[in-house]
Protein backbone atom coordinates (compact mmCIF):
# COMPACT_ATOMS: atom_id res chain seq x y z
CA MET A 1 1.85 59.00 -2.79
CA ALA A 2 1.55 61.40 0.18
CA ALA A 3 2.67 65.00 -0.25
CA GLU A 4 6.02 65.78 1.32
CA LYS A 5 5.75 68.16 4.27
CA SER A 6 7.99 71.19 3.97
CA SER A 7 10.56 71.76 6.70
CA TRP A 8 10.69 75.46 5.72
CA GLN A 9 8.29 78.02 7.08
CA LEU A 10 7.77 81.25 5.15
CA GLN A 11 7.97 84.57 6.94
CA PRO A 12 4.56 86.19 7.56
CA GLY A 13 3.39 88.00 4.44
CA VAL A 14 5.64 86.07 2.02
CA LYS A 15 3.58 84.47 -0.73
CA MET A 16 4.91 81.85 -3.14
CA THR A 17 3.80 78.48 -4.42
CA PRO A 18 5.02 75.38 -2.61
CA ASP A 19 7.10 74.40 -5.66
CA THR A 20 8.78 77.81 -5.76
CA ALA A 21 9.37 77.74 -2.00
CA ALA A 22 11.01 74.32 -2.35
CA GLU A 23 13.37 75.62 -5.04
CA VAL A 24 14.23 78.75 -3.05
CA ALA A 25 14.79 76.55 0.02
CA LYS A 26 17.49 74.67 -1.94
CA ILE A 27 19.25 78.00 -2.48
CA ALA A 28 18.84 78.80 1.21
CA CYS A 29 20.46 75.49 2.17
CA ALA A 30 23.35 76.22 -0.16
CA LEU A 31 23.80 79.67 1.36
CA LYS A 32 23.77 78.27 4.90
CA SER A 33 26.40 75.72 3.87
CA LEU A 34 28.46 78.47 2.25
CA SER A 35 28.11 80.50 5.43
CA VAL A 36 29.61 77.68 7.49
CA TYR A 37 32.38 77.18 4.93
CA ALA A 38 33.15 80.91 4.79
CA GLY A 39 33.29 81.02 8.58
CA LEU A 40 36.00 78.38 8.51
CA VAL A 41 37.91 79.87 5.58
CA ILE A 42 37.77 83.44 6.93
CA GLU A 43 40.34 82.41 9.53
CA ARG A 44 42.90 81.85 6.75
CA GLU A 45 45.06 84.75 5.63
CA ASP A 46 44.52 84.10 1.91
CA CYS A 47 40.73 84.46 2.16
CA PRO A 48 39.19 87.47 0.36
CA SER A 49 38.18 90.09 2.92
CA ASP A 50 34.73 90.59 1.41
CA LEU A 51 33.75 86.89 1.38
CA GLN A 52 32.14 86.88 4.83
CA GLN A 53 30.15 90.06 4.10
CA LEU A 54 28.91 88.62 0.81
CA VAL A 55 27.80 85.40 2.49
CA ASP A 56 26.20 87.29 5.39
CA ASP A 57 24.22 89.44 2.93
CA GLY A 58 22.90 86.32 1.18
CA VAL A 59 21.90 84.67 4.45
CA LYS A 60 20.18 87.89 5.56
CA ALA A 61 18.22 88.00 2.28
CA ILE A 62 17.03 84.41 2.72
CA GLY A 63 16.04 85.32 6.31
CA LYS A 64 13.57 87.78 4.83
CA ILE A 65 11.84 84.87 3.09
CA PHE A 66 12.10 81.96 5.54
CA VAL A 67 11.87 81.57 9.31
CA TRP A 68 15.17 80.00 10.45
């Protein structure tokens, strides 16, 4: 079976095994999805005010690992 090519590119200087990168990429996908969701929910009055900042911080952290 051929090895699956990763669709994620690590930032220069970031070192991790392909298996670890694949697992971290799953978290990155979840954070990006949460970011979209939070963007939609933030428009509602009952949304916690710190939700968008929390999501933005997570997306920024993943940006230090992967090239978007």
